[in-house]
Amino acid sequence: MNSLLEEAGGAIARLRQARPLVHCLTNPVTAALVAGAVLALGGLPVMATAPREIVELLPSVRAVVINLGILDRRRARTAVWLAAAAGARGIPVVLDPVGAATLTTRRKLARRLLQARQVAVLRGNAAEIAALAGAGEVPAVGVDTLGEVPGLEGHAASLSLRSGATVVATGSRDLVTDGSRVALVDNGHPMLARVSGLGCALSGLTACLRAVENDCFTAAVAGAVVAGLAGQHAAGNSPGPGTVVPAFLDALYRVEPIDIMTGGKVSCRTFRST
């Protein structure tokens, strides 16, 4: 059995026992799905946006998600402050750079947080990751990736080494790297690309798992596998995108560590630059 999958399964078991509080500064489009996913897997979500409330919560928070969707000045200031406040307390931060492939303000903010080395895990789609790595023009429209991104593995590994963050690039095949290790995760279903918010939900799940797993790479792989397994089960039993979300939440609730160990489709190797 893949030892990485054993470790990922163990993280799921610890999550269910610990029930960590996860603060999600996310966008209003996907907030309900993120909260539902965190709760279904076993974490405890809180979605406060006012800094004075977040200050009260932080002593109990085990991980933080910062999502850059629907960004305005107030949310941007809160994101910068929260990343620094979490870092000062040693709370891991998962950054979701929604739209950073096409929107300059979001790309600049994401780079600012990464350059400050305040991010434990960066989780974005392939185009967002490539754009933040400085790849130039990428195949993206709005907040979505269109087609394959050439040289994605190298871009992700380079970004990880520069920022200190484990990088997760999601797509038809998810890629996870910490600059030295690379994991490719082949769980999932084509229909998932037609469901809004599942990437944001994965960021929340990754934060849950990082709360109980010190190795960011293992936590990120576990998140990709559990979301992929739940997604393929949900999509495989749904007639269309409209019924995927409730089935996805049900599948997260039912997933067990043994499902990760036996159903995860993961290949792992050392990164080699070309």
Protein backbone atom coordinates (compact mmCIF):
# COMPACT_ATOMS: atom_id res chain seq x y z
CA MET A 1 0.00 0.00 0.00
CA ASN A 2 1.22 3.53 -0.80
CA SER A 3 2.73 4.91 2.45
CA LEU A 4 1.61 8.43 1.50
CA LEU A 5 -1.98 7.21 1.30
CA GLU A 6 -1.62 5.55 4.71
CA GLU A 7 -0.48 8.87 6.15
CA ALA A 8 -3.37 10.66 4.39
CA GLY A 9 -5.85 8.16 5.81
CA GLY A 10 -4.38 8.70 9.25
CA ALA A 11 -4.91 12.45 8.88
CA ILE A 12 -8.61 11.86 8.17
CA ALA A 13 -8.90 9.76 11.34
CA ARG A 14 -7.17 12.43 13.44
CA LEU A 15 -9.38 15.14 11.95
CA ARG A 16 -12.52 13.29 13.02
CA GLN A 17 -11.17 12.98 16.55
CA ALA A 18 -9.81 16.52 16.94
CA ARG A 19 -12.67 18.49 15.28
CA PRO A 20 -10.39 21.53 14.67
CA LEU A 21 -11.80 25.03 14.32
CA VAL A 22 -11.01 26.36 10.83
CA HIS A 23 -11.45 30.04 10.06
CA CYS A 24 -12.49 30.63 6.45
CA LEU A 25 -12.19 34.13 5.04
CA THR A 26 -13.89 33.17 1.81
CA ASN A 27 -16.09 34.76 -0.82
CA PRO A 28 -19.88 34.94 -0.53
CA VAL A 29 -20.44 32.92 -3.71
CA THR A 30 -18.98 29.75 -2.21
CA ALA A 31 -19.06 30.37 1.55
CA ALA A 32 -21.94 27.96 2.23
CA LEU A 33 -20.28 25.16 0.27
CA VAL A 34 -16.93 25.69 1.99
CA ALA A 35 -18.55 25.66 5.44
CA GLY A 36 -20.59 22.58 4.53
CA ALA A 37 -17.56 20.70 3.24
CA VAL A 38 -15.44 21.48 6.31
CA LEU A 39 -18.27 20.38 8.61
CA ALA A 40 -19.06 17.23 6.62
CA LEU A 41 -15.47 16.00 6.73
CA GLY A 42 -15.19 16.61 10.47
CA GLY A 43 -13.88 20.13 11.01
CA LEU A 44 -15.64 23.10 12.58
CA PRO A 45 -15.96 26.09 10.23
CA VAL A 46 -16.23 29.72 11.23
CA MET A 47 -16.69 32.42 8.59
CA ALA A 48 -16.20 35.76 10.40
CA THR A 49 -15.08 38.74 8.32
CA ALA A 50 -14.82 41.51 10.94
CA PRO A 51 -11.29 41.80 12.37
CA ARG A 52 -12.58 42.39 15.92
CA GLU A 53 -14.46 39.08 15.76
CA ILE A 54 -11.51 37.27 14.22
CA VAL A 55 -9.27 38.49 17.07
CA GLU A 56 -11.61 36.81 19.55
CA LEU A 57 -11.63 33.58 17.55
CA LEU A 58 -7.93 33.21 16.73
CA PRO A 59 -6.85 31.68 20.06
CA SER A 60 -9.05 28.67 19.26
CA VAL A 61 -8.40 28.48 15.50
CA ARG A 62 -6.22 25.62 14.21
CA ALA A 63 -6.03 26.65 10.53
CA VAL A 64 -7.03 29.56 8.29
CA VAL A 65 -8.28 29.80 4.71
CA ILE A 66 -7.85 33.07 2.82
CA ASN A 67 -9.85 33.13 -0.41
CA LEU A 68 -9.39 36.09 -2.78
CA GLY A 69 -12.70 35.79 -4.62
CA ILE A 70 -14.89 38.94 -4.92
CA LEU A 71 -12.07 41.10 -3.62
CA ASP A 72 -12.57 44.70 -2.49
CA ARG A 73 -10.35 47.01 -0.44
CA ARG A 74 -11.80 45.98 2.90
CA ARG A 75 -11.44 42.28 2.20
CA ALA A 76 -7.92 42.81 0.87
CA ARG A 77 -6.88 44.64 4.04
CA THR A 78 -8.44 41.92 6.16
CA ALA A 79 -6.61 39.22 4.20
CA VAL A 80 -3.23 40.90 4.74
CA TRP A 81 -3.92 41.43 8.43
CA LEU A 82 -5.24 37.89 8.96
CA ALA A 83 -2.25 36.26 7.26
CA ALA A 84 0.12 38.19 9.52
CA ALA A 85 -1.95 37.53 12.66
CA ALA A 86 -2.18 33.81 11.94
CA GLY A 87 1.52 33.65 11.20
CA ALA A 88 2.37 35.32 14.50
CA ARG A 89 0.43 32.58 16.29
CA GLY A 90 1.86 29.75 14.20
CA ILE A 91 -1.52 29.01 12.62
CA PRO A 92 -1.16 27.53 9.11
CA VAL A 93 -2.71 29.52 6.25
CA VAL A 94 -4.16 28.04 3.06
CA LEU A 95 -4.34 30.65 0.29
CA ASP A 96 -6.85 30.31 -2.55
CA PRO A 97 -5.93 32.90 -5.23
CA VAL A 98 -9.27 32.92 -7.07
CA GLY A 99 -8.95 34.78 -10.38
CA ALA A 100 -5.23 35.54 -10.00
CA ALA A 101 -4.59 34.29 -13.54
CA THR A 102 -6.57 37.14 -15.10
CA LEU A 103 -7.05 39.84 -12.44
CA THR A 104 -4.07 42.03 -11.59
CA THR A 105 -5.16 43.14 -8.12
CA ARG A 106 -5.68 39.57 -6.93
CA ARG A 107 -2.40 38.42 -8.46
CA LYS A 108 -0.50 41.24 -6.71
CA LEU A 109 -2.11 40.48 -3.37
CA ALA A 110 -1.43 36.75 -3.65
CA ARG A 111 2.21 37.45 -4.50
CA ARG A 112 2.49 39.82 -1.55
CA LEU A 113 1.29 37.10 0.85
CA LEU A 114 3.55 34.49 -0.74
CA GLN A 115 6.61 36.74 -0.68
CA ALA A 116 6.02 37.37 3.03
CA ARG A 117 6.21 33.57 3.48
CA GLN A 118 2.91 33.62 5.36
CA VAL A 119 1.30 30.78 3.38
CA ALA A 120 1.54 27.09 4.29
CA VAL A 121 -0.41 25.79 1.28
CA LEU A 122 -1.29 27.57 -1.97
CA ARG A 123 -4.28 25.92 -3.67
CA GLY A 124 -5.35 27.19 -7.06
CA ASN A 125 -6.24 26.00 -10.53
CA ALA A 126 -3.45 25.38 -13.00
CA ALA A 127 -3.67 28.81 -14.64
CA GLU A 128 -3.64 30.64 -11.30
CA ILE A 129 -0.55 28.74 -10.16
CA ALA A 130 1.30 29.32 -13.44
CA ALA A 131 0.44 33.04 -13.43
CA LEU A 132 1.70 33.48 -9.86
CA ALA A 133 4.90 31.69 -10.84
CA GLY A 134 5.44 34.28 -13.59
CA ALA A 135 4.58 32.11 -16.57
CA GLY A 136 3.26 35.04 -18.62
CA GLU A 137 0.18 34.41 -20.72
CA VAL A 138 -1.86 31.45 -19.46
CA PRO A 139 -5.00 29.73 -20.84
CA ALA A 140 -7.60 31.33 -18.57
CA VAL A 141 -10.86 33.25 -18.83
CA GLY A 142 -12.37 34.83 -15.73
CA VAL A 143 -11.63 32.47 -12.83
CA ASP A 144 -11.36 29.31 -14.94
CA THR A 145 -8.54 27.47 -16.68
CA LEU A 146 -9.11 26.63 -20.32
CA GLY A 147 -6.96 23.74 -21.49
CA GLU A 148 -3.58 22.47 -20.36
CA VAL A 149 -0.86 24.72 -18.92
CA PRO A 150 2.57 23.97 -20.45
CA GLY A 151 5.34 23.39 -17.93
CA LEU A 152 2.97 23.37 -14.96
CA GLU A 153 5.09 21.09 -12.79
CA GLY A 154 8.14 23.31 -13.13
CA HIS A 155 6.13 26.46 -12.46
CA ALA A 156 4.55 24.95 -9.34
CA ALA A 157 7.85 23.63 -7.97
CA SER A 158 9.61 26.93 -8.58
CA LEU A 159 6.83 28.83 -6.85
CA SER A 160 6.96 26.44 -3.89
CA LEU A 161 10.70 26.87 -3.46
CA ARG A 162 10.47 30.66 -3.64
CA SER A 163 7.52 31.02 -1.26
CA GLY A 164 8.02 28.13 1.14
CA ALA A 165 4.41 27.04 0.50
CA THR A 166 3.30 23.63 -0.66
CA VAL A 167 1.55 24.22 -3.99
CA VAL A 168 -1.59 22.45 -5.19
CA ALA A 169 -2.57 22.96 -8.84
CA THR A 170 -5.96 21.44 -9.54
CA GLY A 171 -7.41 20.27 -12.84
CA SER A 172 -8.25 17.02 -14.59
CA ARG A 173 -5.18 15.72 -12.73
CA ASP A 174 -4.21 17.45 -9.49
CA LEU A 175 -0.55 18.26 -8.87
CA VAL A 176 0.95 18.75 -5.39
CA THR A 177 4.55 19.80 -4.79
CA ASP A 178 6.75 21.19 -2.05
CA GLY A 179 9.58 21.85 -4.48
CA SER A 180 11.28 18.53 -3.84
CA ARG A 181 8.41 16.02 -3.90
CA VAL A 182 5.71 15.83 -6.55
CA ALA A 183 2.41 13.95 -6.26
CA LEU A 184 -0.08 13.49 -9.07
CA VAL A 185 -3.65 12.72 -7.98
CA ASP A 186 -5.97 11.12 -10.52
CA ASN A 187 -9.19 10.95 -8.51
CA GLY A 188 -12.14 13.04 -9.71
CA HIS A 189 -14.71 13.23 -12.51
CA PRO A 190 -15.11 15.46 -15.61
CA MET A 191 -18.50 16.75 -14.40
CA LEU A 192 -16.83 18.46 -11.43
CA ALA A 193 -15.52 21.18 -13.76
CA ARG A 194 -19.14 22.30 -14.24
CA VAL A 195 -19.82 22.78 -10.52
CA SER A 196 -18.99 26.17 -9.00
CA GLY A 197 -17.10 26.26 -5.72
CA LEU A 198 -15.53 22.82 -5.47
CA GLY A 199 -12.02 24.29 -5.66
CA CYS A 200 -12.87 26.64 -2.79
CA ALA A 201 -14.23 23.65 -0.88
CA LEU A 202 -10.93 21.81 -1.45
CA SER A 203 -9.06 24.74 0.08
CA GLY A 204 -11.23 24.40 3.18
CA LEU A 205 -10.67 20.65 3.34
CA THR A 206 -6.93 21.13 2.97
CA ALA A 207 -6.95 23.56 5.89
CA CYS A 208 -8.84 21.01 8.01
CA LEU A 209 -6.22 18.39 7.30
CA ARG A 210 -3.28 20.75 7.80
CA ALA A 211 -4.71 21.49 11.24
CA VAL A 212 -3.99 17.88 12.28
CA GLU A 213 -1.06 17.03 9.97
CA ASN A 214 2.23 18.91 10.35
CA ASP A 215 3.56 17.95 6.92
CA CYS A 216 1.95 20.32 4.43
CA PHE A 217 2.64 17.99 1.50
CA THR A 218 0.81 15.08 3.16
CA ALA A 219 -2.11 17.30 4.18
CA ALA A 220 -2.41 18.70 0.64
CA VAL A 221 -2.34 15.25 -0.95
CA ALA A 222 -4.93 14.02 1.56
CA GLY A 223 -7.18 16.96 0.68
CA ALA A 224 -6.89 16.34 -3.06
CA VAL A 225 -7.61 12.63 -2.66
CA VAL A 226 -10.59 12.99 -0.33
CA ALA A 227 -12.15 15.71 -2.50
CA GLY A 228 -11.47 13.66 -5.62
CA LEU A 229 -13.01 10.51 -4.19
CA ALA A 230 -16.07 12.37 -2.90
CA GLY A 231 -16.39 14.17 -6.22
CA GLN A 232 -16.17 11.07 -8.36
CA HIS A 233 -18.74 9.32 -6.18
CA ALA A 234 -21.08 12.34 -6.28
CA ALA A 235 -20.76 12.95 -10.01
CA GLY A 236 -20.99 9.25 -10.82
CA ASN A 237 -24.35 9.09 -9.08
CA SER A 238 -25.78 12.43 -10.28
CA PRO A 239 -27.65 13.14 -13.53
CA GLY A 240 -26.06 16.60 -13.78
CA PRO A 241 -24.19 19.36 -11.93
CA GLY A 242 -27.24 20.53 -10.01
CA THR A 243 -27.28 17.46 -7.77
CA VAL A 244 -23.53 17.06 -7.33
CA VAL A 245 -23.11 19.40 -4.35
CA PRO A 246 -25.42 17.61 -1.86
CA ALA A 247 -24.03 14.25 -3.00
CA PHE A 248 -20.49 15.62 -2.56
CA LEU A 249 -21.22 16.66 1.03
CA ASP A 250 -22.78 13.27 1.76
CA ALA A 251 -19.72 11.51 0.35
CA LEU A 252 -17.36 13.62 2.50
CA TYR A 253 -19.37 12.66 5.56
CA ARG A 254 -19.15 8.96 4.71
CA VAL A 255 -15.53 8.72 3.60
CA GLU A 256 -13.30 6.60 5.84
CA PRO A 257 -9.51 6.32 6.13
CA ILE A 258 -9.61 2.93 4.41
CA ASP A 259 -11.30 4.56 1.40
CA ILE A 260 -8.32 6.92 1.06
CA MET A 261 -5.85 4.05 1.35
CA THR A 262 -7.60 1.79 -1.16
CA GLY A 263 -9.23 4.30 -3.52
CA GLY A 264 -6.62 7.02 -3.79
CA LYS A 265 -4.92 7.20 -7.17
CA VAL A 266 -1.61 8.88 -6.35
CA SER A 267 1.84 8.66 -7.88
CA CYS A 268 4.70 10.35 -6.02
CA ARG A 269 8.28 11.05 -7.02
CA THR A 270 11.14 13.47 -6.52
CA PHE A 271 11.01 16.66 -8.57
CA ARG A 272 13.72 16.98 -11.20
CA SER A 273 14.16 20.31 -12.93
CA THR A 274 14.88 20.28 -16.66
